[in-house]
Amino acid sequence: MAPVDFQIKWTLAAREDFQDILLFIAADNPEAALNVGDQIEHRIDQLQKYPESGPVLPEEPEGEYRQIVAGNYRVIYRIHHEENAVEIKRLWHGARGEPEI
Protein backbone atom coordinates (compact mmCIF):
# COMPACT_ATOMS: atom_id res chain seq x y z
CA MET A 1 0.00 0.00 0.00
CA ALA A 2 1.45 3.36 -1.04
CA PRO A 3 1.78 6.06 1.60
CA VAL A 4 -0.88 8.75 1.58
CA ASP A 5 0.18 12.25 0.55
CA PHE A 6 -0.54 14.83 3.20
CA GLN A 7 -2.57 17.91 2.32
CA ILE A 8 -0.84 21.26 2.87
CA LYS A 9 -2.91 23.88 4.71
CA TRP A 10 -1.70 27.44 5.31
CA THR A 11 -2.74 29.63 8.21
CA LEU A 12 -3.56 33.24 7.45
CA ALA A 13 -0.41 34.30 9.36
CA ALA A 14 1.76 32.02 7.19
CA ARG A 15 0.22 33.36 3.97
CA GLU A 16 0.84 36.92 5.16
CA ASP A 17 4.43 36.02 6.12
CA PHE A 18 5.03 34.57 2.66
CA GLN A 19 3.56 37.60 0.91
CA ASP A 20 5.56 40.01 3.11
CA ILE A 21 8.80 38.13 2.40
CA LEU A 22 8.25 38.23 -1.36
CA LEU A 23 7.21 41.89 -1.41
CA PHE A 24 10.24 42.89 0.66
CA ILE A 25 12.65 41.07 -1.66
CA ALA A 26 10.84 42.20 -4.83
CA ALA A 27 11.30 45.85 -3.89
CA ASP A 28 15.02 45.42 -4.65
CA ASN A 29 15.12 42.40 -6.93
CA PRO A 30 11.93 40.91 -8.46
CA GLU A 31 13.79 37.95 -9.94
CA ALA A 32 15.27 37.05 -6.55
CA ALA A 33 11.78 37.21 -5.04
CA LEU A 34 10.57 34.65 -7.59
CA ASN A 35 13.52 32.38 -6.80
CA VAL A 36 12.97 32.61 -3.04
CA GLY A 37 9.25 31.97 -3.49
CA ASP A 38 9.94 28.90 -5.62
CA GLN A 39 12.48 27.60 -3.10
CA ILE A 40 10.07 27.98 -0.17
CA GLU A 41 7.18 26.40 -2.09
CA HIS A 42 9.37 23.47 -3.17
CA ARG A 43 10.40 22.72 0.42
CA ILE A 44 6.80 22.95 1.62
CA ASP A 45 5.62 20.66 -1.19
CA GLN A 46 8.08 18.01 0.03
CA LEU A 47 6.09 17.84 3.28
CA GLN A 48 3.25 16.17 1.35
CA LYS A 49 5.31 12.98 1.17
CA TYR A 50 7.65 13.49 4.14
CA PRO A 51 5.76 15.42 6.84
CA GLU A 52 8.10 14.28 9.60
CA SER A 53 11.24 15.33 7.73
CA GLY A 54 11.61 18.53 9.74
CA PRO A 55 12.96 18.37 13.28
CA VAL A 56 10.84 19.26 16.28
CA LEU A 57 11.34 22.87 17.33
CA PRO A 58 13.77 22.95 20.27
CA GLU A 59 11.69 25.67 21.92
CA GLU A 60 8.62 23.39 21.77
CA PRO A 61 9.51 20.41 23.98
CA GLU A 62 6.11 18.75 23.55
CA GLY A 63 6.95 18.24 19.89
CA GLU A 64 3.84 19.90 18.56
CA TYR A 65 5.69 22.10 16.07
CA ARG A 66 8.37 21.26 13.54
CA GLN A 67 10.45 23.27 11.12
CA ILE A 68 12.12 22.99 7.77
CA VAL A 69 14.60 25.45 6.31
CA ALA A 70 14.30 26.98 2.85
CA GLY A 71 17.30 29.19 2.17
CA ASN A 72 17.36 31.78 4.96
CA TYR A 73 13.79 31.07 6.01
CA ARG A 74 12.33 28.80 8.66
CA VAL A 75 8.98 27.22 7.86
CA ILE A 76 7.15 26.36 11.08
CA TYR A 77 4.48 23.69 10.77
CA ARG A 78 2.37 21.16 12.62
CA ILE A 79 1.32 17.69 11.50
CA HIS A 80 -2.31 16.60 11.85
CA HIS A 81 -2.08 12.83 11.38
CA GLU A 82 -5.81 12.27 11.85
CA GLU A 83 -6.51 14.56 8.87
CA ASN A 84 -3.43 13.60 6.79
CA ALA A 85 -2.59 17.30 6.79
CA VAL A 86 0.36 19.58 7.41
CA GLU A 87 -0.52 23.03 8.71
CA ILE A 88 1.97 25.76 7.80
CA LYS A 89 1.96 28.09 10.81
CA ARG A 90 4.64 30.72 10.12
CA LEU A 91 7.51 31.61 7.79
CA TRP A 92 10.36 33.34 9.53
CA HIS A 93 13.72 34.72 8.46
CA GLY A 94 16.42 32.95 10.45
CA ALA A 95 18.01 36.25 11.49
CA ARG A 96 14.80 37.37 13.22
CA GLY A 97 15.31 35.14 16.24
CA GLU A 98 12.66 32.79 17.53
CA PRO A 99 9.30 32.67 15.74
CA GLU A 100 6.09 33.82 17.33
CA ILE A 101 3.73 30.90 16.85
C-alpha atoms as a PDB file:
ATOM      1  CA  MET A   1       0.000   0.000   0.000  1.00  0.00           C
ATOM      2  CA  ALA A   2       1.449   3.358  -1.041  1.00  0.00           C
ATOM      3  CA  PRO A   3       1.779   6.057   1.599  1.00  0.00           C
ATOM      4  CA  VAL A   4      -0.879   8.752   1.575  1.00  0.00           C
ATOM      5  CA  ASP A   5       0.175  12.248   0.546  1.00  0.00           C
ATOM      6  CA  PHE A   6      -0.535  14.833   3.200  1.00  0.00           C
ATOM      7  CA  GLN A   7      -2.569  17.911   2.318  1.00  0.00           C
ATOM      8  CA  ILE A   8      -0.836  21.265   2.867  1.00  0.00           C
ATOM      9  CA  LYS A   9      -2.911  23.885   4.706  1.00  0.00           C
ATOM     10  CA  TRP A  10      -1.696  27.438   5.306  1.00  0.00           C
ATOM     11  CA  THR A  11      -2.737  29.632   8.212  1.00  0.00           C
ATOM     12  CA  LEU A  12      -3.556  33.245   7.453  1.00  0.00           C
ATOM     13  CA  ALA A  13      -0.413  34.298   9.356  1.00  0.00           C
ATOM     14  CA  ALA A  14       1.756  32.021   7.193  1.00  0.00           C
ATOM     15  CA  ARG A  15       0.224  33.358   3.972  1.00  0.00           C
ATOM     16  CA  GLU A  16       0.844  36.917   5.156  1.00  0.00           C
ATOM     17  CA  ASP A  17       4.428  36.025   6.119  1.00  0.00           C
ATOM     18  CA  PHE A  18       5.030  34.570   2.656  1.00  0.00           C
ATOM     19  CA  GLN A  19       3.559  37.604   0.907  1.00  0.00           C
ATOM     20  CA  ASP A  20       5.559  40.012   3.109  1.00  0.00           C
ATOM     21  CA  ILE A  21       8.797  38.131   2.396  1.00  0.00           C
ATOM     22  CA  LEU A  22       8.248  38.232  -1.355  1.00  0.00           C
ATOM     23  CA  LEU A  23       7.209  41.890  -1.413  1.00  0.00           C
ATOM     24  CA  PHE A  24      10.239  42.891   0.658  1.00  0.00           C
ATOM     25  CA  ILE A  25      12.649  41.075  -1.660  1.00  0.00           C
ATOM     26  CA  ALA A  26      10.844  42.198  -4.835  1.00  0.00           C
ATOM     27  CA  ALA A  27      11.299  45.849  -3.888  1.00  0.00           C
ATOM     28  CA  ASP A  28      15.019  45.423  -4.646  1.00  0.00           C
ATOM     29  CA  ASN A  29      15.116  42.402  -6.929  1.00  0.00           C
ATOM     30  CA  PRO A  30      11.935  40.913  -8.458  1.00  0.00           C
ATOM     31  CA  GLU A  31      13.794  37.948  -9.937  1.00  0.00           C
ATOM     32  CA  ALA A  32      15.272  37.054  -6.551  1.00  0.00           C
ATOM     33  CA  ALA A  33      11.777  37.213  -5.042  1.00  0.00           C
ATOM     34  CA  LEU A  34      10.567  34.649  -7.588  1.00  0.00           C
ATOM     35  CA  ASN A  35      13.516  32.382  -6.804  1.00  0.00           C
ATOM     36  CA  VAL A  36      12.972  32.611  -3.042  1.00  0.00           C
ATOM     37  CA  GLY A  37       9.252  31.972  -3.490  1.00  0.00           C
ATOM     38  CA  ASP A  38       9.944  28.897  -5.615  1.00  0.00           C
ATOM     39  CA  GLN A  39      12.479  27.597  -3.100  1.00  0.00           C
ATOM     40  CA  ILE A  40      10.071  27.983  -0.172  1.00  0.00           C
ATOM     41  CA  GLU A  41       7.177  26.395  -2.090  1.00  0.00           C
ATOM     42  CA  HIS A  42       9.366  23.470  -3.168  1.00  0.00           C
ATOM     43  CA  ARG A  43      10.402  22.719   0.424  1.00  0.00           C
ATOM     44  CA  ILE A  44       6.802  22.955   1.622  1.00  0.00           C
ATOM     45  CA  ASP A  45       5.615  20.659  -1.192  1.00  0.00           C
ATOM     46  CA  GLN A  46       8.082  18.013   0.034  1.00  0.00           C
ATOM     47  CA  LEU A  47       6.086  17.840   3.275  1.00  0.00           C
ATOM     48  CA  GLN A  48       3.250  16.165   1.354  1.00  0.00           C
ATOM     49  CA  LYS A  49       5.312  12.977   1.168  1.00  0.00           C
ATOM     50  CA  TYR A  50       7.649  13.494   4.140  1.00  0.00           C
ATOM     51  CA  PRO A  51       5.757  15.418   6.838  1.00  0.00           C
ATOM     52  CA  GLU A  52       8.097  14.284   9.604  1.00  0.00           C
ATOM     53  CA  SER A  53      11.239  15.334   7.726  1.00  0.00           C
ATOM     54  CA  GLY A  54      11.609  18.529   9.742  1.00  0.00           C
ATOM     55  CA  PRO A  55      12.961  18.366  13.279  1.00  0.00           C
ATOM     56  CA  VAL A  56      10.836  19.260  16.283  1.00  0.00           C
ATOM     57  CA  LEU A  57      11.340  22.872  17.333  1.00  0.00           C
ATOM     58  CA  PRO A  58      13.768  22.955  20.267  1.00  0.00           C
ATOM     59  CA  GLU A  59      11.688  25.672  21.916  1.00  0.00           C
ATOM     60  CA  GLU A  60       8.619  23.394  21.769  1.00  0.00           C
ATOM     61  CA  PRO A  61       9.514  20.409  23.982  1.00  0.00           C
ATOM     62  CA  GLU A  62       6.108  18.751  23.547  1.00  0.00           C
ATOM     63  CA  GLY A  63       6.951  18.241  19.888  1.00  0.00           C
ATOM     64  CA  GLU A  64       3.837  19.899  18.560  1.00  0.00           C
ATOM     65  CA  TYR A  65       5.685  22.102  16.073  1.00  0.00           C
ATOM     66  CA  ARG A  66       8.372  21.255  13.537  1.00  0.00           C
ATOM     67  CA  GLN A  67      10.449  23.270  11.118  1.00  0.00           C
ATOM     68  CA  ILE A  68      12.124  22.995   7.765  1.00  0.00           C
ATOM     69  CA  VAL A  69      14.600  25.449   6.313  1.00  0.00           C
ATOM     70  CA  ALA A  70      14.297  26.980   2.852  1.00  0.00           C
ATOM     71  CA  GLY A  71      17.299  29.187   2.175  1.00  0.00           C
ATOM     72  CA  ASN A  72      17.360  31.781   4.959  1.00  0.00           C
ATOM     73  CA  TYR A  73      13.787  31.068   6.010  1.00  0.00           C
ATOM     74  CA  ARG A  74      12.325  28.804   8.659  1.00  0.00           C
ATOM     75  CA  VAL A  75       8.976  27.216   7.861  1.00  0.00           C
ATOM     76  CA  ILE A  76       7.147  26.360  11.079  1.00  0.00           C
ATOM     77  CA  TYR A  77       4.482  23.688  10.768  1.00  0.00           C
ATOM     78  CA  ARG A  78       2.374  21.160  12.618  1.00  0.00           C
ATOM     79  CA  ILE A  79       1.325  17.686  11.500  1.00  0.00           C
ATOM     80  CA  HIS A  80      -2.309  16.601  11.852  1.00  0.00           C
ATOM     81  CA  HIS A  81      -2.082  12.826  11.382  1.00  0.00           C
ATOM     82  CA  GLU A  82      -5.813  12.269  11.850  1.00  0.00           C
ATOM     83  CA  GLU A  83      -6.507  14.556   8.868  1.00  0.00           C
ATOM     84  CA  ASN A  84      -3.429  13.598   6.795  1.00  0.00           C
ATOM     85  CA  ALA A  85      -2.593  17.297   6.786  1.00  0.00           C
ATOM     86  CA  VAL A  86       0.358  19.582   7.410  1.00  0.00           C
ATOM     87  CA  GLU A  87      -0.523  23.032   8.708  1.00  0.00           C
ATOM     88  CA  ILE A  88       1.969  25.763   7.797  1.00  0.00           C
ATOM     89  CA  LYS A  89       1.962  28.088  10.811  1.00  0.00           C
ATOM     90  CA  ARG A  90       4.640  30.724  10.120  1.00  0.00           C
ATOM     91  CA  LEU A  91       7.511  31.608   7.789  1.00  0.00           C
ATOM     92  CA  TRP A  92      10.355  33.339   9.534  1.00  0.00           C
ATOM     93  CA  HIS A  93      13.723  34.724   8.461  1.00  0.00           C
ATOM     94  CA  GLY A  94      16.424  32.945  10.452  1.00  0.00           C
ATOM     95  CA  ALA A  95      18.013  36.249  11.492  1.00  0.00           C
ATOM     96  CA  ARG A  96      14.799  37.369  13.217  1.00  0.00           C
ATOM     97  CA  GLY A  97      15.312  35.138  16.236  1.00  0.00           C
ATOM     98  CA  GLU A  98      12.656  32.795  17.534  1.00  0.00           C
ATOM     99  CA  PRO A  99       9.304  32.672  15.741  1.00  0.00           C
ATOM    100  CA  GLU A 100       6.089  33.822  17.334  1.00  0.00           C
ATOM    101  CA  ILE A 101       3.732  30.905  16.849  1.00  0.00           C
END
